[in-house]
């Protein structure tokens, strides 16, 4: 193992002092507010590698206003500490945050606090949560590039899909939008079509099957005048609305080469492709995609 750098030694010693009760109590101001964002991020990441986590140790880091990456997983903290977490994350503490990842399903009352937290992060660029959100709270996060919501609740998930297409139209910088968790791609293809039109910089829709949306766009475009979108990562042929109907499945498989042809014309910049080959003739069309990486 190579010898530790002076920077590593300083980080470890600082973390040791953070865990000492009362060490910083006589400081008139938050001592971490004078550090750079990079150093605060490194301290937070270093702390995350430690075996034991206590929210009280993070109070100064969370409130100093220099933390950019808020990456917390549950149940690392007790319910009481979760309450304290939202109290600590004031507008001052959130002013520099660009990345939020909270992997937990919150209770209803915590949902509203999570939404208030997001609204305190004007510089937010990447959001990854595991709970339903009202998409309205994202409208003020003009810099958002990536939104991943791992939530599968029925009515609320449907509400988010229905509202997000128009509500998120102001987020022109979106590159990754992973919210369509329903496996039935034909059930929400209109939402995907709207998202593509509203967000010209989109590069990924997560694991959503975009082929049906592409087929719809192709059918409603003038011949040889298909609009093109910049998705780099695509999933095609994974899910359809008729999985329990053999006749409809056969009909869908028969038209699959045309679906893929439309998809290639609509998404010519695909680099990473995941595909279920429902008809061998679709492979011929894939030769056109010269951007694919091995």
C-alpha atoms as a PDB file:
ATOM      1  CA  UNK A   1       0.000   0.000   0.000  1.00  0.00           C
ATOM      2  CA  UNK A   2       1.484   3.395  -0.978  1.00  0.00           C
ATOM      3  CA  UNK A   3       2.140   5.846   1.863  1.00  0.00           C
ATOM      4  CA  UNK A   4      -0.727   8.210   2.652  1.00  0.00           C
ATOM      5  CA  UNK A   5      -0.397  11.727   1.313  1.00  0.00           C
ATOM      6  CA  UNK A   6      -0.385  14.736   3.611  1.00  0.00           C
ATOM      7  CA  UNK A   7      -3.846  15.575   2.271  1.00  0.00           C
ATOM      8  CA  UNK A   8      -5.185  12.154   3.303  1.00  0.00           C
ATOM      9  CA  UNK A   9      -3.642  12.501   6.745  1.00  0.00           C
ATOM     10  CA  UNK A  10      -5.211  15.941   7.179  1.00  0.00           C
ATOM     11  CA  UNK A  11      -8.603  14.620   6.102  1.00  0.00           C
ATOM     12  CA  UNK A  12      -8.485  11.776   8.578  1.00  0.00           C
ATOM     13  CA  UNK A  13      -7.387  14.037  11.423  1.00  0.00           C
ATOM     14  CA  UNK A  14     -10.147  16.524  10.580  1.00  0.00           C
ATOM     15  CA  UNK A  15     -12.739  13.751  10.648  1.00  0.00           C
ATOM     16  CA  UNK A  16     -11.427  12.602  14.012  1.00  0.00           C
ATOM     17  CA  UNK A  17     -11.923  16.122  15.345  1.00  0.00           C
ATOM     18  CA  UNK A  18     -15.434  16.194  13.874  1.00  0.00           C
ATOM     19  CA  UNK A  19     -16.367  13.210  16.004  1.00  0.00           C
ATOM     20  CA  UNK A  20     -15.085  14.777  19.232  1.00  0.00           C
ATOM     21  CA  UNK A  21     -17.998  16.247  21.182  1.00  0.00           C
ATOM     22  CA  UNK A  22     -17.686  19.983  21.709  1.00  0.00           C
ATOM     23  CA  UNK A  23     -14.382  20.442  19.865  1.00  0.00           C
ATOM     24  CA  UNK A  24     -15.736  23.183  17.568  1.00  0.00           C
ATOM     25  CA  UNK A  25     -18.215  24.708  20.025  1.00  0.00           C
ATOM     26  CA  UNK A  26     -16.187  27.831  20.727  1.00  0.00           C
ATOM     27  CA  UNK A  27     -15.694  28.705  17.048  1.00  0.00           C
ATOM     28  CA  UNK A  28     -17.625  31.954  16.311  1.00  0.00           C
ATOM     29  CA  UNK A  29     -18.295  30.781  12.740  1.00  0.00           C
ATOM     30  CA  UNK A  30     -18.505  27.471  10.948  1.00  0.00           C
ATOM     31  CA  UNK A  31     -14.819  26.545  10.385  1.00  0.00           C
ATOM     32  CA  UNK A  32     -15.648  24.646   7.195  1.00  0.00           C
ATOM     33  CA  UNK A  33     -17.199  27.678   5.506  1.00  0.00           C
ATOM     34  CA  UNK A  34     -13.683  28.904   4.663  1.00  0.00           C
ATOM     35  CA  UNK A  35     -12.747  25.707   2.812  1.00  0.00           C
ATOM     36  CA  UNK A  36     -13.214  25.168  -0.908  1.00  0.00           C
ATOM     37  CA  UNK A  37     -16.106  23.082  -2.223  1.00  0.00           C
ATOM     38  CA  UNK A  38     -13.685  20.380  -3.379  1.00  0.00           C
ATOM     39  CA  UNK A  39     -12.223  19.942   0.096  1.00  0.00           C
ATOM     40  CA  UNK A  40     -15.665  19.809   1.726  1.00  0.00           C
ATOM     41  CA  UNK A  41     -16.801  17.243  -0.858  1.00  0.00           C
ATOM     42  CA  UNK A  42     -13.708  15.139  -0.161  1.00  0.00           C
ATOM     43  CA  UNK A  43     -14.306  15.274   3.589  1.00  0.00           C
ATOM     44  CA  UNK A  44     -17.922  14.225   3.133  1.00  0.00           C
ATOM     45  CA  UNK A  45     -16.934  11.366   0.807  1.00  0.00           C
ATOM     46  CA  UNK A  46     -14.169  10.284   3.194  1.00  0.00           C
ATOM     47  CA  UNK A  47     -16.642  10.223   6.068  1.00  0.00           C
ATOM     48  CA  UNK A  48     -18.967   8.012   4.009  1.00  0.00           C
ATOM     49  CA  UNK A  49     -16.255   5.340   3.925  1.00  0.00           C
ATOM     50  CA  UNK A  50     -16.171   5.105   7.696  1.00  0.00           C
ATOM     51  CA  UNK A  51     -17.841   2.167   9.398  1.00  0.00           C
ATOM     52  CA  UNK A  52     -20.109   4.155  11.696  1.00  0.00           C
ATOM     53  CA  UNK A  53     -22.222   7.152  10.704  1.00  0.00           C
ATOM     54  CA  UNK A  54     -23.710   9.650  13.108  1.00  0.00           C
ATOM     55  CA  UNK A  55     -25.531  12.682  11.807  1.00  0.00           C
ATOM     56  CA  UNK A  56     -24.161  14.868  14.598  1.00  0.00           C
ATOM     57  CA  UNK A  57     -20.691  14.404  13.096  1.00  0.00           C
ATOM     58  CA  UNK A  58     -21.868  15.939   9.824  1.00  0.00           C
ATOM     59  CA  UNK A  59     -23.609  19.020  11.199  1.00  0.00           C
ATOM     60  CA  UNK A  60     -20.842  21.463  10.299  1.00  0.00           C
ATOM     61  CA  UNK A  61     -20.301  19.999   6.827  1.00  0.00           C
ATOM     62  CA  UNK A  62     -24.019  20.034   6.028  1.00  0.00           C
ATOM     63  CA  UNK A  63     -24.494  23.611   7.170  1.00  0.00           C
ATOM     64  CA  UNK A  64     -21.323  25.278   5.859  1.00  0.00           C
ATOM     65  CA  UNK A  65     -22.723  26.059   2.407  1.00  0.00           C
ATOM     66  CA  UNK A  66     -19.804  24.502   0.527  1.00  0.00           C
ATOM     67  CA  UNK A  67     -21.065  20.929   0.101  1.00  0.00           C
ATOM     68  CA  UNK A  68     -21.870  20.097  -3.534  1.00  0.00           C
ATOM     69  CA  UNK A  69     -22.588  16.353  -3.405  1.00  0.00           C
ATOM     70  CA  UNK A  70     -25.280  15.188  -0.981  1.00  0.00           C
ATOM     71  CA  UNK A  71     -25.154  11.390  -1.175  1.00  0.00           C
ATOM     72  CA  UNK A  72     -26.965   9.706   1.697  1.00  0.00           C
ATOM     73  CA  UNK A  73     -28.369   6.227   2.011  1.00  0.00           C
ATOM     74  CA  UNK A  74     -30.849   4.896   4.513  1.00  0.00           C
ATOM     75  CA  UNK A  75     -31.258   3.349   7.013  1.00  0.00           C
ATOM     76  CA  UNK A  76     -27.857   4.731   8.013  1.00  0.00           C
ATOM     77  CA  UNK A  77     -29.550   7.154  10.385  1.00  0.00           C
ATOM     78  CA  UNK A  78     -32.295   6.791  12.940  1.00  0.00           C
ATOM     79  CA  UNK A  79     -35.739   8.305  12.384  1.00  0.00           C
ATOM     80  CA  UNK A  80     -34.844  11.106  14.791  1.00  0.00           C
ATOM     81  CA  UNK A  81     -31.650  11.809  12.854  1.00  0.00           C
ATOM     82  CA  UNK A  82     -33.618  11.947   9.598  1.00  0.00           C
ATOM     83  CA  UNK A  83     -35.720  14.703  11.153  1.00  0.00           C
ATOM     84  CA  UNK A  84     -32.535  16.532  12.102  1.00  0.00           C
ATOM     85  CA  UNK A  85     -31.157  16.098   8.591  1.00  0.00           C
ATOM     86  CA  UNK A  86     -33.908  18.175   7.018  1.00  0.00           C
ATOM     87  CA  UNK A  87     -33.505  20.814   9.730  1.00  0.00           C
ATOM     88  CA  UNK A  88     -29.772  21.086   9.092  1.00  0.00           C
ATOM     89  CA  UNK A  89     -30.143  21.490   5.342  1.00  0.00           C
ATOM     90  CA  UNK A  90     -31.095  25.154   5.298  1.00  0.00           C
ATOM     91  CA  UNK A  91     -30.931  27.471   2.283  1.00  0.00           C
ATOM     92  CA  UNK A  92     -27.426  28.428   3.408  1.00  0.00           C
ATOM     93  CA  UNK A  93     -26.361  24.783   3.603  1.00  0.00           C
ATOM     94  CA  UNK A  94     -27.872  23.934   0.206  1.00  0.00           C
ATOM     95  CA  UNK A  95     -26.662  26.921  -1.778  1.00  0.00           C
ATOM     96  CA  UNK A  96     -23.791  25.022  -3.484  1.00  0.00           C
ATOM     97  CA  UNK A  97     -25.398  21.577  -3.854  1.00  0.00           C
ATOM     98  CA  UNK A  98     -25.333  20.275  -7.431  1.00  0.00           C
ATOM     99  CA  UNK A  99     -25.865  16.543  -6.770  1.00  0.00           C
ATOM    100  CA  UNK A 100     -28.511  14.904  -4.585  1.00  0.00           C
ATOM    101  CA  UNK A 101     -28.851  11.148  -4.122  1.00  0.00           C
ATOM    102  CA  UNK A 102     -31.175   9.918  -1.401  1.00  0.00           C
ATOM    103  CA  UNK A 103     -31.877   6.208  -1.673  1.00  0.00           C
ATOM    104  CA  UNK A 104     -34.892   5.799   0.572  1.00  0.00           C
ATOM    105  CA  UNK A 105     -38.659   5.684   0.365  1.00  0.00           C
ATOM    106  CA  UNK A 106     -39.841   8.513   2.546  1.00  0.00           C
ATOM    107  CA  UNK A 107     -43.055   8.790   4.482  1.00  0.00           C
ATOM    108  CA  UNK A 108     -45.669  11.237   3.209  1.00  0.00           C
ATOM    109  CA  UNK A 109     -44.630  14.001   5.610  1.00  0.00           C
ATOM    110  CA  UNK A 110     -40.971  13.454   4.684  1.00  0.00           C
ATOM    111  CA  UNK A 111     -41.869  13.727   1.002  1.00  0.00           C
ATOM    112  CA  UNK A 112     -42.903  17.335   1.470  1.00  0.00           C
ATOM    113  CA  UNK A 113     -39.658  18.054   3.306  1.00  0.00           C
ATOM    114  CA  UNK A 114     -37.692  16.410   0.528  1.00  0.00           C
ATOM    115  CA  UNK A 115     -39.459  18.639  -1.984  1.00  0.00           C
ATOM    116  CA  UNK A 116     -38.643  21.698   0.128  1.00  0.00           C
ATOM    117  CA  UNK A 117     -35.028  20.549   0.236  1.00  0.00           C
ATOM    118  CA  UNK A 118     -34.850  20.354  -3.554  1.00  0.00           C
ATOM    119  CA  UNK A 119     -36.332  23.832  -3.860  1.00  0.00           C
ATOM    120  CA  UNK A 120     -33.430  25.116  -1.743  1.00  0.00           C
ATOM    121  CA  UNK A 121     -30.886  23.869  -4.306  1.00  0.00           C
ATOM    122  CA  UNK A 122     -30.857  26.397  -7.182  1.00  0.00           C
ATOM    123  CA  UNK A 123     -27.631  24.927  -8.607  1.00  0.00           C
ATOM    124  CA  UNK A 124     -28.897  21.328  -8.639  1.00  0.00           C
ATOM    125  CA  UNK A 125     -27.748  19.398 -11.731  1.00  0.00           C
ATOM    126  CA  UNK A 126     -28.233  15.735 -10.781  1.00  0.00           C
ATOM    127  CA  UNK A 127     -31.131  14.279  -8.794  1.00  0.00           C
ATOM    128  CA  UNK A 128     -31.542  10.607  -7.864  1.00  0.00           C
ATOM    129  CA  UNK A 129     -34.292   9.706  -5.406  1.00  0.00           C
ATOM    130  CA  UNK A 130     -36.479   6.707  -4.652  1.00  0.00           C
ATOM    131  CA  UNK A 131     -39.727   8.435  -3.882  1.00  0.00           C
ATOM    132  CA  UNK A 132     -42.568  10.215  -5.622  1.00  0.00           C
ATOM    133  CA  UNK A 133     -42.115  13.949  -6.173  1.00  0.00           C
ATOM    134  CA  UNK A 134     -44.414  16.636  -7.406  1.00  0.00           C
ATOM    135  CA  UNK A 135     -42.635  17.665 -10.631  1.00  0.00           C
ATOM    136  CA  UNK A 136     -43.483  21.312  -9.949  1.00  0.00           C
ATOM    137  CA  UNK A 137     -40.672  21.458  -7.364  1.00  0.00           C
ATOM    138  CA  UNK A 138     -38.113  20.868 -10.124  1.00  0.00           C
ATOM    139  CA  UNK A 139     -39.059  23.915 -12.177  1.00  0.00           C
ATOM    140  CA  UNK A 140     -36.721  26.213 -10.254  1.00  0.00           C
ATOM    141  CA  UNK A 141     -33.746  23.907 -10.789  1.00  0.00           C
ATOM    142  CA  UNK A 142     -32.865  25.392 -14.163  1.00  0.00           C
ATOM    143  CA  UNK A 143     -29.500  23.617 -14.333  1.00  0.00           C
ATOM    144  CA  UNK A 144     -30.885  20.094 -13.960  1.00  0.00           C
ATOM    145  CA  UNK A 145     -29.157  17.673 -16.316  1.00  0.00           C
ATOM    146  CA  UNK A 146     -30.175  14.324 -14.841  1.00  0.00           C
ATOM    147  CA  UNK A 147     -33.383  13.218 -13.090  1.00  0.00           C
ATOM    148  CA  UNK A 148     -33.694   9.611 -11.905  1.00  0.00           C
ATOM    149  CA  UNK A 149     -36.721   8.620  -9.831  1.00  0.00           C
ATOM    150  CA  UNK A 150     -36.844   4.963  -8.808  1.00  0.00           C
ATOM    151  CA  UNK A 151     -40.470   4.983  -7.779  1.00  0.00           C
ATOM    152  CA  UNK A 152     -43.053   2.411  -8.840  1.00  0.00           C
ATOM    153  CA  UNK A 153     -46.160   3.432  -6.875  1.00  0.00           C
ATOM    154  CA  UNK A 154     -49.242   3.185  -9.090  1.00  0.00           C
ATOM    155  CA  UNK A 155     -51.372   6.319  -8.924  1.00  0.00           C
ATOM    156  CA  UNK A 156     -48.593   8.686  -7.888  1.00  0.00           C
ATOM    157  CA  UNK A 157     -46.246   7.350 -10.558  1.00  0.00           C
ATOM    158  CA  UNK A 158     -48.964   7.835 -13.175  1.00  0.00           C
ATOM    159  CA  UNK A 159     -49.554  11.359 -11.907  1.00  0.00           C
ATOM    160  CA  UNK A 160     -45.866  12.180 -12.233  1.00  0.00           C
ATOM    161  CA  UNK A 161     -45.744  10.909 -15.818  1.00  0.00           C
ATOM    162  CA  UNK A 162     -48.888  12.810 -16.745  1.00  0.00           C
ATOM    163  CA  UNK A 163     -47.710  16.075 -15.213  1.00  0.00           C
ATOM    164  CA  UNK A 164     -43.999  15.950 -15.958  1.00  0.00           C
ATOM    165  CA  UNK A 165     -44.189  16.311 -19.738  1.00  0.00           C
ATOM    166  CA  UNK A 166     -45.477  19.878 -19.585  1.00  0.00           C
ATOM    167  CA  UNK A 167     -44.217  20.848 -16.129  1.00  0.00           C
ATOM    168  CA  UNK A 168     -40.584  20.014 -16.893  1.00  0.00           C
ATOM    169  CA  UNK A 169     -40.564  21.773 -20.260  1.00  0.00           C
ATOM    170  CA  UNK A 170     -38.613  24.678 -18.730  1.00  0.00           C
ATOM    171  CA  UNK A 171     -35.670  22.387 -17.939  1.00  0.00           C
ATOM    172  CA  UNK A 172     -33.919  22.795 -21.261  1.00  0.00           C
ATOM    173  CA  UNK A 173     -30.615  21.324 -20.028  1.00  0.00           C
ATOM    174  CA  UNK A 174     -31.960  17.837 -19.246  1.00  0.00           C
ATOM    175  CA  UNK A 175     -29.776  15.059 -20.641  1.00  0.00           C
ATOM    176  CA  UNK A 176     -30.973  12.064 -18.591  1.00  0.00           C
ATOM    177  CA  UNK A 177     -34.616  11.533 -17.641  1.00  0.00           C
ATOM    178  CA  UNK A 178     -35.338   8.178 -16.026  1.00  0.00           C
ATOM    179  CA  UNK A 179     -38.892   8.258 -14.663  1.00  0.00           C
ATOM    180  CA  UNK A 180     -40.903   5.857 -16.833  1.00  0.00           C
ATOM    181  CA  UNK A 181     -40.877   2.694 -14.740  1.00  0.00           C
ATOM    182  CA  UNK A 182     -43.980   1.079 -16.246  1.00  0.00           C
ATOM    183  CA  UNK A 183     -42.879  -1.835 -18.445  1.00  0.00           C
ATOM    184  CA  UNK A 184     -45.710  -1.164 -20.885  1.00  0.00           C
ATOM    185  CA  UNK A 185     -43.908   1.112 -23.349  1.00  0.00           C
ATOM    186  CA  UNK A 186     -46.977   1.739 -25.490  1.00  0.00           C
ATOM    187  CA  UNK A 187     -48.868   3.014 -22.444  1.00  0.00           C
ATOM    188  CA  UNK A 188     -46.675   6.097 -22.052  1.00  0.00           C
ATOM    189  CA  UNK A 189     -45.108   6.620 -25.486  1.00  0.00           C
ATOM    190  CA  UNK A 190     -46.938   9.943 -25.874  1.00  0.00           C
ATOM    191  CA  UNK A 191     -45.144  11.211 -22.776  1.00  0.00           C
ATOM    192  CA  UNK A 192     -41.814  10.186 -24.288  1.00  0.00           C
ATOM    193  CA  UNK A 193     -42.689  11.951 -27.542  1.00  0.00           C
ATOM    194  CA  UNK A 194     -43.461  15.137 -25.617  1.00  0.00           C
ATOM    195  CA  UNK A 195     -40.259  14.840 -23.588  1.00  0.00           C
ATOM    196  CA  UNK A 196     -38.180  14.468 -26.733  1.00  0.00           C
ATOM    197  CA  UNK A 197     -39.738  17.565 -28.260  1.00  0.00           C
ATOM    198  CA  UNK A 198     -39.352  19.632 -25.083  1.00  0.00           C
ATOM    199  CA  UNK A 199     -35.809  18.542 -24.239  1.00  0.00           C
ATOM    200  CA  UNK A 200     -33.551  18.640 -27.312  1.00  0.00           C
ATOM    201  CA  UNK A 201     -30.464  17.745 -25.256  1.00  0.00           C
ATOM    202  CA  UNK A 202     -31.813  14.425 -23.954  1.00  0.00           C
ATOM    203  CA  UNK A 203     -29.268  11.632 -24.278  1.00  0.00           C
ATOM    204  CA  UNK A 204     -30.952   8.907 -22.214  1.00  0.00           C
ATOM    205  CA  UNK A 205     -34.420   7.908 -21.041  1.00  0.00           C
ATOM    206  CA  UNK A 206     -33.016   5.340 -18.644  1.00  0.00           C
ATOM    207  CA  UNK A 207     -34.374   1.856 -19.346  1.00  0.00           C
ATOM    208  CA  UNK A 208     -37.528   3.139 -20.993  1.00  0.00           C
ATOM    209  CA  UNK A 209     -38.320   1.528 -24.332  1.00  0.00           C
ATOM    210  CA  UNK A 210     -38.250   4.412 -26.828  1.00  0.00           C
ATOM    211  CA  UNK A 211     -38.949   2.360 -29.969  1.00  0.00           C
ATOM    212  CA  UNK A 212     -42.730   2.754 -29.849  1.00  0.00           C
ATOM    213  CA  UNK A 213     -42.401   6.528 -29.480  1.00  0.00           C
ATOM    214  CA  UNK A 214     -40.036   6.593 -32.474  1.00  0.00           C
ATOM    215  CA  UNK A 215     -42.497   4.550 -34.522  1.00  0.00           C
ATOM    216  CA  UNK A 216     -45.271   7.006 -33.655  1.00  0.00           C
ATOM    217  CA  UNK A 217     -43.097   9.979 -34.623  1.00  0.00           C
ATOM    218  CA  UNK A 218     -42.184   8.277 -37.898  1.00  0.00           C
ATOM    219  CA  UNK A 219     -45.806   7.552 -38.772  1.00  0.00           C
ATOM    220  CA  UNK A 220     -46.723  11.183 -38.195  1.00  0.00           C
ATOM    221  CA  UNK A 221     -43.839  12.663 -40.173  1.00  0.00           C
ATOM    222  CA  UNK A 222     -43.592  13.440 -43.842  1.00  0.00           C
ATOM    223  CA  UNK A 223     -41.810  10.836 -45.913  1.00  0.00           C
ATOM    224  CA  UNK A 224     -38.024  11.318 -45.830  1.00  0.00           C
ATOM    225  CA  UNK A 225     -38.446  14.189 -43.351  1.00  0.00           C
ATOM    226  CA  UNK A 226     -38.158  12.463 -39.989  1.00  0.00           C
ATOM    227  CA  UNK A 227     -37.146  14.680 -37.050  1.00  0.00           C
ATOM    228  CA  UNK A 228     -34.001  13.505 -35.314  1.00  0.00           C
ATOM    229  CA  UNK A 229     -33.200  13.391 -31.610  1.00  0.00           C
ATOM    230  CA  UNK A 230     -29.921  12.902 -29.792  1.00  0.00           C
ATOM    231  CA  UNK A 231     -30.484   9.852 -27.589  1.00  0.00           C
ATOM    232  CA  UNK A 232     -27.174   8.022 -27.067  1.00  0.00           C
ATOM    233  CA  UNK A 233     -28.528   5.133 -24.970  1.00  0.00           C
ATOM    234  CA  UNK A 234     -31.666   3.234 -26.028  1.00  0.00           C
ATOM    235  CA  UNK A 235     -33.755   0.199 -25.090  1.00  0.00           C
ATOM    236  CA  UNK A 236     -35.839  -1.267 -27.937  1.00  0.00           C
ATOM    237  CA  UNK A 237     -38.254  -4.188 -28.091  1.00  0.00           C
ATOM    238  CA  UNK A 238     -38.291  -4.869 -24.362  1.00  0.00           C
ATOM    239  CA  UNK A 239     -41.930  -4.334 -23.558  1.00  0.00           C
ATOM    240  CA  UNK A 240     -45.259  -4.033 -25.296  1.00  0.00           C
ATOM    241  CA  UNK A 241     -48.846  -3.747 -24.159  1.00  0.00           C
ATOM    242  CA  UNK A 242     -49.939  -7.144 -25.427  1.00  0.00           C
ATOM    243  CA  UNK A 243     -47.605  -9.569 -23.655  1.00  0.00           C
ATOM    244  CA  UNK A 244     -50.547 -11.800 -22.690  1.00  0.00           C
ATOM    245  CA  UNK A 245     -52.082 -11.998 -26.167  1.00  0.00           C
ATOM    246  CA  UNK A 246     -50.251 -14.415 -28.521  1.00  0.00           C
ATOM    247  CA  UNK A 247     -51.949 -13.099 -31.671  1.00  0.00           C
ATOM    248  CA  UNK A 248     -51.102  -9.492 -30.917  1.00  0.00           C
ATOM    249  CA  UNK A 249     -47.563 -10.447 -29.975  1.00  0.00           C
ATOM    250  CA  UNK A 250     -47.160 -12.174 -33.337  1.00  0.00           C
ATOM    251  CA  UNK A 251     -48.520  -9.102 -35.128  1.00  0.00           C
ATOM    252  CA  UNK A 252     -46.167  -6.822 -33.202  1.00  0.00           C
ATOM    253  CA  UNK A 253     -43.173  -9.040 -33.943  1.00  0.00           C
ATOM    254  CA  UNK A 254     -44.057  -8.958 -37.630  1.00  0.00           C
ATOM    255  CA  UNK A 255     -44.010  -5.163 -37.712  1.00  0.00           C
ATOM    256  CA  UNK A 256     -40.906  -4.940 -35.516  1.00  0.00           C
ATOM    257  CA  UNK A 257     -38.446  -4.369 -38.411  1.00  0.00           C
ATOM    258  CA  UNK A 258     -40.398  -1.241 -39.349  1.00  0.00           C
ATOM    259  CA  UNK A 259     -40.392  -0.116 -35.713  1.00  0.00           C
ATOM    260  CA  UNK A 260     -36.601  -0.473 -35.632  1.00  0.00           C
ATOM    261  CA  UNK A 261     -36.224   1.302 -38.956  1.00  0.00           C
ATOM    262  CA  UNK A 262     -38.158   4.272 -37.557  1.00  0.00           C
ATOM    263  CA  UNK A 263     -36.109   4.191 -34.363  1.00  0.00           C
ATOM    264  CA  UNK A 264     -32.830   4.340 -36.271  1.00  0.00           C
ATOM    265  CA  UNK A 265     -34.027   7.262 -38.368  1.00  0.00           C
ATOM    266  CA  UNK A 266     -35.263   9.144 -35.302  1.00  0.00           C
ATOM    267  CA  UNK A 267     -32.248   8.329 -33.087  1.00  0.00           C
ATOM    268  CA  UNK A 268     -29.228   8.220 -35.445  1.00  0.00           C
ATOM    269  CA  UNK A 269     -26.642   8.949 -32.730  1.00  0.00           C
ATOM    270  CA  UNK A 270     -27.198   5.860 -30.557  1.00  0.00           C
ATOM    271  CA  UNK A 271     -23.944   4.681 -28.971  1.00  0.00           C
ATOM    272  CA  UNK A 272     -25.285   2.087 -26.515  1.00  0.00           C
ATOM    273  CA  UNK A 273     -28.199  -0.093 -27.641  1.00  0.00           C
ATOM    274  CA  UNK A 274     -30.073  -2.773 -25.700  1.00  0.00           C
ATOM    275  CA  UNK A 275     -32.475  -4.642 -27.955  1.00  0.00           C
ATOM    276  CA  UNK A 276     -34.745  -7.674 -27.907  1.00  0.00           C
ATOM    277  CA  UNK A 277     -34.663  -9.011 -31.464  1.00  0.00           C
ATOM    278  CA  UNK A 278     -38.304  -9.806 -32.163  1.00  0.00           C
ATOM    279  CA  UNK A 279     -37.722 -10.320 -35.895  1.00  0.00           C
ATOM    280  CA  UNK A 280     -34.497 -11.262 -37.690  1.00  0.00           C
ATOM    281  CA  UNK A 281     -35.083  -8.712 -40.461  1.00  0.00           C
ATOM    282  CA  UNK A 282     -34.546  -5.844 -38.026  1.00  0.00           C
ATOM    283  CA  UNK A 283     -30.839  -6.726 -37.891  1.00  0.00           C
ATOM    284  CA  UNK A 284     -30.419  -5.478 -41.427  1.00  0.00           C
ATOM    285  CA  UNK A 285     -31.515  -2.002 -40.357  1.00  0.00           C
ATOM    286  CA  UNK A 286     -29.044  -1.935 -37.474  1.00  0.00           C
ATOM    287  CA  UNK A 287     -26.169  -1.796 -39.959  1.00  0.00           C
ATOM    288  CA  UNK A 288     -27.084   1.837 -40.544  1.00  0.00           C
ATOM    289  CA  UNK A 289     -26.122   2.729 -36.967  1.00  0.00           C
ATOM    290  CA  UNK A 290     -22.427   3.455 -37.449  1.00  0.00           C
ATOM    291  CA  UNK A 291     -22.181   5.202 -34.075  1.00  0.00           C
ATOM    292  CA  UNK A 292     -22.658   2.024 -32.031  1.00  0.00           C
ATOM    293  CA  UNK A 293     -19.804   1.109 -29.727  1.00  0.00           C
ATOM    294  CA  UNK A 294     -18.785  -2.491 -29.190  1.00  0.00           C
END
